């Protein structure tokens, strides 16, 4: 089971992705196409695994891919 928790950061926000309580990645808004990207791994900020224009659709894709 996945949970998604939005955290406010200085100058923006990030959605922390947890699977069974373990931090497995983060979602951030992309600047190029105004969509969203999922970064697998708690410290990964460079290589996005999934992209989607809709935050809800991206969450569904994360659940389906794992």
PDB file of N, CA and C in Angstrom:
ATOM      1  N   UNK A   1       0.837  -1.186   0.000  1.00  0.00           N
ATOM      2  CA  UNK A   1       0.000   0.000   0.000  1.00  0.00           C
ATOM      3  C   UNK A   1       0.885   1.252   0.000  1.00  0.00           C
ATOM      4  N   UNK A   2       0.535   2.171  -0.851  1.00  0.00           N
ATOM      5  CA  UNK A   2       1.277   3.418  -0.962  1.00  0.00           C
ATOM      6  C   UNK A   2       0.561   4.539  -0.217  1.00  0.00           C
ATOM      7  N   UNK A   3       1.347   5.444   0.348  1.00  0.00           N
ATOM      8  CA  UNK A   3       0.810   6.674   0.916  1.00  0.00           C
ATOM      9  C   UNK A   3       1.607   7.831   0.313  1.00  0.00           C
ATOM     10  N   UNK A   4       0.953   8.973   0.169  1.00  0.00           N
ATOM     11  CA  UNK A   4       1.556  10.155  -0.428  1.00  0.00           C
ATOM     12  C   UNK A   4       1.367  11.317   0.540  1.00  0.00           C
ATOM     13  N   UNK A   5       2.481  11.929   0.947  1.00  0.00           N
ATOM     14  CA  UNK A   5       2.418  13.017   1.918  1.00  0.00           C
ATOM     15  C   UNK A   5       3.102  14.250   1.355  1.00  0.00           C
ATOM     16  N   UNK A   6       2.339  15.324   1.216  1.00  0.00           N
ATOM     17  CA  UNK A   6       2.905  16.568   0.708  1.00  0.00           C
ATOM     18  C   UNK A   6       3.649  17.284   1.821  1.00  0.00           C
ATOM     19  N   UNK A   7       4.885  17.670   1.530  1.00  0.00           N
ATOM     20  CA  UNK A   7       5.710  18.419   2.471  1.00  0.00           C
ATOM     21  C   UNK A   7       6.026  19.777   1.866  1.00  0.00           C
ATOM     22  N   UNK A   8       5.830  20.828   2.637  1.00  0.00           N
ATOM     23  CA  UNK A   8       6.168  22.170   2.174  1.00  0.00           C
ATOM     24  C   UNK A   8       7.644  22.421   2.419  1.00  0.00           C
ATOM     25  N   UNK A   9       8.312  22.885   1.384  1.00  0.00           N
ATOM     26  CA  UNK A   9       9.727  23.227   1.457  1.00  0.00           C
ATOM     27  C   UNK A   9       9.878  24.706   1.158  1.00  0.00           C
ATOM     28  N   UNK A  10      10.994  25.256   1.533  1.00  0.00           N
ATOM     29  CA  UNK A  10      11.262  26.652   1.228  1.00  0.00           C
ATOM     30  C   UNK A  10      11.218  26.847  -0.283  1.00  0.00           C
ATOM     31  N   UNK A  11      10.275  27.611  -0.767  1.00  0.00           N
ATOM     32  CA  UNK A  11      10.160  27.878  -2.190  1.00  0.00           C
ATOM     33  C   UNK A  11       9.378  26.839  -2.970  1.00  0.00           C
ATOM     34  N   UNK A  12       8.711  25.892  -2.310  1.00  0.00           N
ATOM     35  CA  UNK A  12       7.950  24.893  -3.050  1.00  0.00           C
ATOM     36  C   UNK A  12       7.446  23.766  -2.176  1.00  0.00           C
ATOM     37  N   UNK A  13       7.287  22.613  -2.788  1.00  0.00           N
ATOM     38  CA  UNK A  13       6.773  21.444  -2.080  1.00  0.00           C
ATOM     39  C   UNK A  13       7.296  20.174  -2.748  1.00  0.00           C
ATOM     40  N   UNK A  14       7.131  19.068  -2.061  1.00  0.00           N
ATOM     41  CA  UNK A  14       7.498  17.751  -2.570  1.00  0.00           C
ATOM     42  C   UNK A  14       6.470  16.770  -2.008  1.00  0.00           C
ATOM     43  N   UNK A  15       6.153  15.741  -2.766  1.00  0.00           N
ATOM     44  CA  UNK A  15       5.262  14.698  -2.260  1.00  0.00           C
ATOM     45  C   UNK A  15       6.131  13.481  -1.963  1.00  0.00           C
ATOM     46  N   UNK A  16       6.165  13.120  -0.709  1.00  0.00           N
ATOM     47  CA  UNK A  16       6.930  11.951  -0.286  1.00  0.00           C
ATOM     48  C   UNK A  16       6.098  10.702  -0.564  1.00  0.00           C
ATOM     49  N   UNK A  17       6.696   9.719  -1.235  1.00  0.00           N
ATOM     50  CA  UNK A  17       6.015   8.474  -1.573  1.00  0.00           C
ATOM     51  C   UNK A  17       6.518   7.391  -0.621  1.00  0.00           C
ATOM     52  N   UNK A  18       5.571   6.734   0.051  1.00  0.00           N
ATOM     53  CA  UNK A  18       5.917   5.670   0.997  1.00  0.00           C
ATOM     54  C   UNK A  18       5.176   4.398   0.615  1.00  0.00           C
ATOM     55  N   UNK A  19       5.885   3.285   0.697  1.00  0.00           N
ATOM     56  CA  UNK A  19       5.282   1.976   0.451  1.00  0.00           C
ATOM     57  C   UNK A  19       5.405   1.193   1.753  1.00  0.00           C
ATOM     58  N   UNK A  20       4.265   0.857   2.329  1.00  0.00           N
ATOM     59  CA  UNK A  20       4.207   0.167   3.608  1.00  0.00           C
ATOM     60  C   UNK A  20       5.043   0.896   4.659  1.00  0.00           C
ATOM     61  N   UNK A  21       4.958   2.227   4.640  1.00  0.00           N
ATOM     62  CA  UNK A  21       5.637   3.061   5.625  1.00  0.00           C
ATOM     63  C   UNK A  21       7.085   3.391   5.320  1.00  0.00           C
ATOM     64  N   UNK A  22       7.661   2.807   4.278  1.00  0.00           N
ATOM     65  CA  UNK A  22       9.063   3.040   3.934  1.00  0.00           C
ATOM     66  C   UNK A  22       9.151   4.080   2.821  1.00  0.00           C
ATOM     67  N   UNK A  23       9.978   5.090   3.010  1.00  0.00           N
ATOM     68  CA  UNK A  23      10.165   6.154   2.026  1.00  0.00           C
ATOM     69  C   UNK A  23      10.856   5.578   0.789  1.00  0.00           C
ATOM     70  N   UNK A  24      10.138   5.551  -0.351  1.00  0.00           N
ATOM     71  CA  UNK A  24      10.673   4.935  -1.572  1.00  0.00           C
ATOM     72  C   UNK A  24      10.906   5.931  -2.707  1.00  0.00           C
ATOM     73  N   UNK A  25      10.482   7.171  -2.555  1.00  0.00           N
ATOM     74  CA  UNK A  25      10.690   8.148  -3.612  1.00  0.00           C
ATOM     75  C   UNK A  25       9.964   9.450  -3.345  1.00  0.00           C
ATOM     76  N   UNK A  26      10.057  10.354  -4.331  1.00  0.00           N
ATOM     77  CA  UNK A  26       9.442  11.679  -4.212  1.00  0.00           C
ATOM     78  C   UNK A  26       8.837  12.102  -5.544  1.00  0.00           C
ATOM     79  N   UNK A  27       7.805  12.902  -5.445  1.00  0.00           N
ATOM     80  CA  UNK A  27       7.184  13.519  -6.624  1.00  0.00           C
ATOM     81  C   UNK A  27       7.458  15.011  -6.547  1.00  0.00           C
ATOM     82  N   UNK A  28       7.892  15.558  -7.684  1.00  0.00           N
ATOM     83  CA  UNK A  28       8.092  17.009  -7.782  1.00  0.00           C
ATOM     84  C   UNK A  28       7.458  17.509  -9.061  1.00  0.00           C
ATOM     85  N   UNK A  29       7.114  18.767  -9.073  1.00  0.00           N
ATOM     86  CA  UNK A  29       6.604  19.412 -10.282  1.00  0.00           C
ATOM     87  C   UNK A  29       7.782  19.671 -11.211  1.00  0.00           C
ATOM     88  N   UNK A  30       7.604  19.387 -12.489  1.00  0.00           N
ATOM     89  CA  UNK A  30       8.666  19.659 -13.456  1.00  0.00           C
ATOM     90  C   UNK A  30       8.503  21.070 -14.003  1.00  0.00           C
ATOM     91  N   UNK A  31       9.584  21.682 -14.376  1.00  0.00           N
ATOM     92  CA  UNK A  31       9.522  23.060 -14.886  1.00  0.00           C
ATOM     93  C   UNK A  31       9.373  23.102 -16.394  1.00  0.00           C
ATOM     94  N   UNK A  32       9.764  22.029 -17.072  1.00  0.00           N
ATOM     95  CA  UNK A  32       9.735  22.056 -18.531  1.00  0.00           C
ATOM     96  C   UNK A  32       8.329  22.016 -19.107  1.00  0.00           C
ATOM     97  N   UNK A  33       7.487  21.128 -18.603  1.00  0.00           N
ATOM     98  CA  UNK A  33       6.159  20.954 -19.198  1.00  0.00           C
ATOM     99  C   UNK A  33       5.018  21.147 -18.201  1.00  0.00           C
ATOM    100  N   UNK A  34       5.326  21.666 -17.029  1.00  0.00           N
ATOM    101  CA  UNK A  34       4.340  21.907 -15.979  1.00  0.00           C
ATOM    102  C   UNK A  34       3.644  20.628 -15.525  1.00  0.00           C
ATOM    103  N   UNK A  35       4.281  19.494 -15.726  1.00  0.00           N
ATOM    104  CA  UNK A  35       3.749  18.226 -15.257  1.00  0.00           C
ATOM    105  C   UNK A  35       4.414  17.834 -13.947  1.00  0.00           C
ATOM    106  N   UNK A  36       4.400  16.547 -13.680  1.00  0.00           N
ATOM    107  CA  UNK A  36       4.962  16.016 -12.446  1.00  0.00           C
ATOM    108  C   UNK A  36       5.887  14.857 -12.777  1.00  0.00           C
ATOM    109  N   UNK A  37       6.886  14.649 -11.923  1.00  0.00           N
ATOM    110  CA  UNK A  37       7.839  13.566 -12.118  1.00  0.00           C
ATOM    111  C   UNK A  37       8.043  12.817 -10.810  1.00  0.00           C
ATOM    112  N   UNK A  38       8.213  11.501 -10.933  1.00  0.00           N
ATOM    113  CA  UNK A  38       8.491  10.637  -9.789  1.00  0.00           C
ATOM    114  C   UNK A  38       9.960  10.254  -9.808  1.00  0.00           C
ATOM    115  N   UNK A  39      10.617  10.478  -8.706  1.00  0.00           N
ATOM    116  CA  UNK A  39      12.026  10.157  -8.535  1.00  0.00           C
ATOM    117  C   UNK A  39      12.133   8.998  -7.557  1.00  0.00           C
ATOM    118  N   UNK A  40      12.480   7.813  -8.080  1.00  0.00           N
ATOM    119  CA  UNK A  40      12.574   6.605  -7.254  1.00  0.00           C
ATOM    120  C   UNK A  40      13.813   6.689  -6.364  1.00  0.00           C
ATOM    121  N   UNK A  41      13.640   6.366  -5.095  1.00  0.00           N
ATOM    122  CA  UNK A  41      14.727   6.439  -4.124  1.00  0.00           C
ATOM    123  C   UNK A  41      14.596   7.696  -3.294  1.00  0.00           C
ATOM    124  N   UNK A  42      14.859   7.576  -2.007  1.00  0.00           N
ATOM    125  CA  UNK A  42      14.595   8.719  -1.123  1.00  0.00           C
ATOM    126  C   UNK A  42      15.528   9.906  -1.363  1.00  0.00           C
ATOM    127  N   UNK A  43      16.732   9.668  -1.898  1.00  0.00           N
ATOM    128  CA  UNK A  43      17.680  10.762  -2.118  1.00  0.00           C
ATOM    129  C   UNK A  43      17.870  11.135  -3.584  1.00  0.00           C
ATOM    130  N   UNK A  44      17.210  10.438  -4.495  1.00  0.00           N
ATOM    131  CA  UNK A  44      17.346  10.699  -5.927  1.00  0.00           C
ATOM    132  C   UNK A  44      16.631  12.003  -6.292  1.00  0.00           C
ATOM    133  N   UNK A  45      17.371  12.930  -6.880  1.00  0.00           N
ATOM    134  CA  UNK A  45      16.776  14.184  -7.341  1.00  0.00           C
ATOM    135  C   UNK A  45      17.109  14.473  -8.801  1.00  0.00           C
ATOM    136  N   UNK A  46      17.774  13.527  -9.465  1.00  0.00           N
ATOM    137  CA  UNK A  46      18.237  13.777 -10.822  1.00  0.00           C
ATOM    138  C   UNK A  46      17.545  12.956 -11.894  1.00  0.00           C
ATOM    139  N   UNK A  47      17.233  11.701 -11.613  1.00  0.00           N
ATOM    140  CA  UNK A  47      16.722  10.804 -12.639  1.00  0.00           C
ATOM    141  C   UNK A  47      15.270  10.433 -12.353  1.00  0.00           C
ATOM    142  N   UNK A  48      14.369  10.987 -13.135  1.00  0.00           N
ATOM    143  CA  UNK A  48      12.951  10.691 -12.949  1.00  0.00           C
ATOM    144  C   UNK A  48      12.609   9.340 -13.562  1.00  0.00           C
ATOM    145  N   UNK A  49      11.786   8.573 -12.856  1.00  0.00           N
ATOM    146  CA  UNK A  49      11.357   7.258 -13.332  1.00  0.00           C
ATOM    147  C   UNK A  49      10.067   7.336 -14.136  1.00  0.00           C
ATOM    148  N   UNK A  50       9.172   8.218 -13.730  1.00  0.00           N
ATOM    149  CA  UNK A  50       7.870   8.367 -14.393  1.00  0.00           C
ATOM    150  C   UNK A  50       7.528   9.840 -14.504  1.00  0.00           C
ATOM    151  N   UNK A  51       6.757  10.173 -15.548  1.00  0.00           N
ATOM    152  CA  UNK A  51       6.282  11.550 -15.771  1.00  0.00           C
ATOM    153  C   UNK A  51       4.795  11.497 -16.102  1.00  0.00           C
ATOM    154  N   UNK A  52       4.076  12.541 -15.709  1.00  0.00           N
ATOM    155  CA  UNK A  52       2.676  12.663 -16.103  1.00  0.00           C
ATOM    156  C   UNK A  52       2.242  14.102 -15.908  1.00  0.00           C
ATOM    157  N   UNK A  53       1.315  14.555 -16.722  1.00  0.00           N
ATOM    158  CA  UNK A  53       0.789  15.913 -16.597  1.00  0.00           C
ATOM    159  C   UNK A  53      -0.163  16.029 -15.408  1.00  0.00           C
ATOM    160  N   UNK A  54      -0.724  14.904 -14.974  1.00  0.00           N
ATOM    161  CA  UNK A  54      -1.679  14.893 -13.865  1.00  0.00           C
ATOM    162  C   UNK A  54      -1.048  14.239 -12.639  1.00  0.00           C
ATOM    163  N   UNK A  55      -1.107  14.908 -11.503  1.00  0.00           N
ATOM    164  CA  UNK A  55      -0.573  14.357 -10.261  1.00  0.00           C
ATOM    165  C   UNK A  55      -1.316  13.085  -9.874  1.00  0.00           C
ATOM    166  N   UNK A  56      -2.631  13.067 -10.000  1.00  0.00           N
ATOM    167  CA  UNK A  56      -3.410  11.874  -9.656  1.00  0.00           C
ATOM    168  C   UNK A  56      -3.060  10.690 -10.554  1.00  0.00           C
ATOM    169  N   UNK A  57      -2.891  10.943 -11.849  1.00  0.00           N
ATOM    170  CA  UNK A  57      -2.511   9.877 -12.774  1.00  0.00           C
ATOM    171  C   UNK A  57      -1.104   9.357 -12.482  1.00  0.00           C
ATOM    172  N   UNK A  58      -0.215  10.238 -12.093  1.00  0.00           N
ATOM    173  CA  UNK A  58       1.145   9.816 -11.748  1.00  0.00           C
ATOM    174  C   UNK A  58       1.117   8.916 -10.504  1.00  0.00           C
ATOM    175  N   UNK A  59       0.328   9.271  -9.517  1.00  0.00           N
ATOM    176  CA  UNK A  59       0.194   8.426  -8.319  1.00  0.00           C
ATOM    177  C   UNK A  59      -0.311   7.036  -8.683  1.00  0.00           C
ATOM    178  N   UNK A  60      -1.279   6.981  -9.579  1.00  0.00           N
ATOM    179  CA  UNK A  60      -1.812   5.672 -10.024  1.00  0.00           C
ATOM    180  C   UNK A  60      -0.743   4.867 -10.762  1.00  0.00           C
ATOM    181  N   UNK A  61       0.061   5.539 -11.579  1.00  0.00           N
ATOM    182  CA  UNK A  61       1.121   4.869 -12.325  1.00  0.00           C
ATOM    183  C   UNK A  61       2.203   4.324 -11.380  1.00  0.00           C
ATOM    184  N   UNK A  62       2.499   5.046 -10.334  1.00  0.00           N
ATOM    185  CA  UNK A  62       3.480   4.599  -9.334  1.00  0.00           C
ATOM    186  C   UNK A  62       2.976   3.326  -8.660  1.00  0.00           C
ATOM    187  N   UNK A  63       1.712   3.325  -8.281  1.00  0.00           N
ATOM    188  CA  UNK A  63       1.129   2.144  -7.639  1.00  0.00           C
ATOM    189  C   UNK A  63       1.120   0.953  -8.574  1.00  0.00           C
ATOM    190  N   UNK A  64       0.818   1.192  -9.842  1.00  0.00           N
ATOM    191  CA  UNK A  64       0.736   0.112 -10.828  1.00  0.00           C
ATOM    192  C   UNK A  64       2.115  -0.457 -11.167  1.00  0.00           C
ATOM    193  N   UNK A  65       3.150   0.392 -11.194  1.00  0.00           N
ATOM    194  CA  UNK A  65       4.495  -0.026 -11.582  1.00  0.00           C
ATOM    195  C   UNK A  65       5.201  -0.839 -10.500  1.00  0.00           C
ATOM    196  N   UNK A  66       4.741  -0.748  -9.281  1.00  0.00           N
ATOM    197  CA  UNK A  66       5.454  -1.440  -8.190  1.00  0.00           C
ATOM    198  C   UNK A  66       4.758  -2.685  -7.730  1.00  0.00           C
TER     199      UNK A  66
END
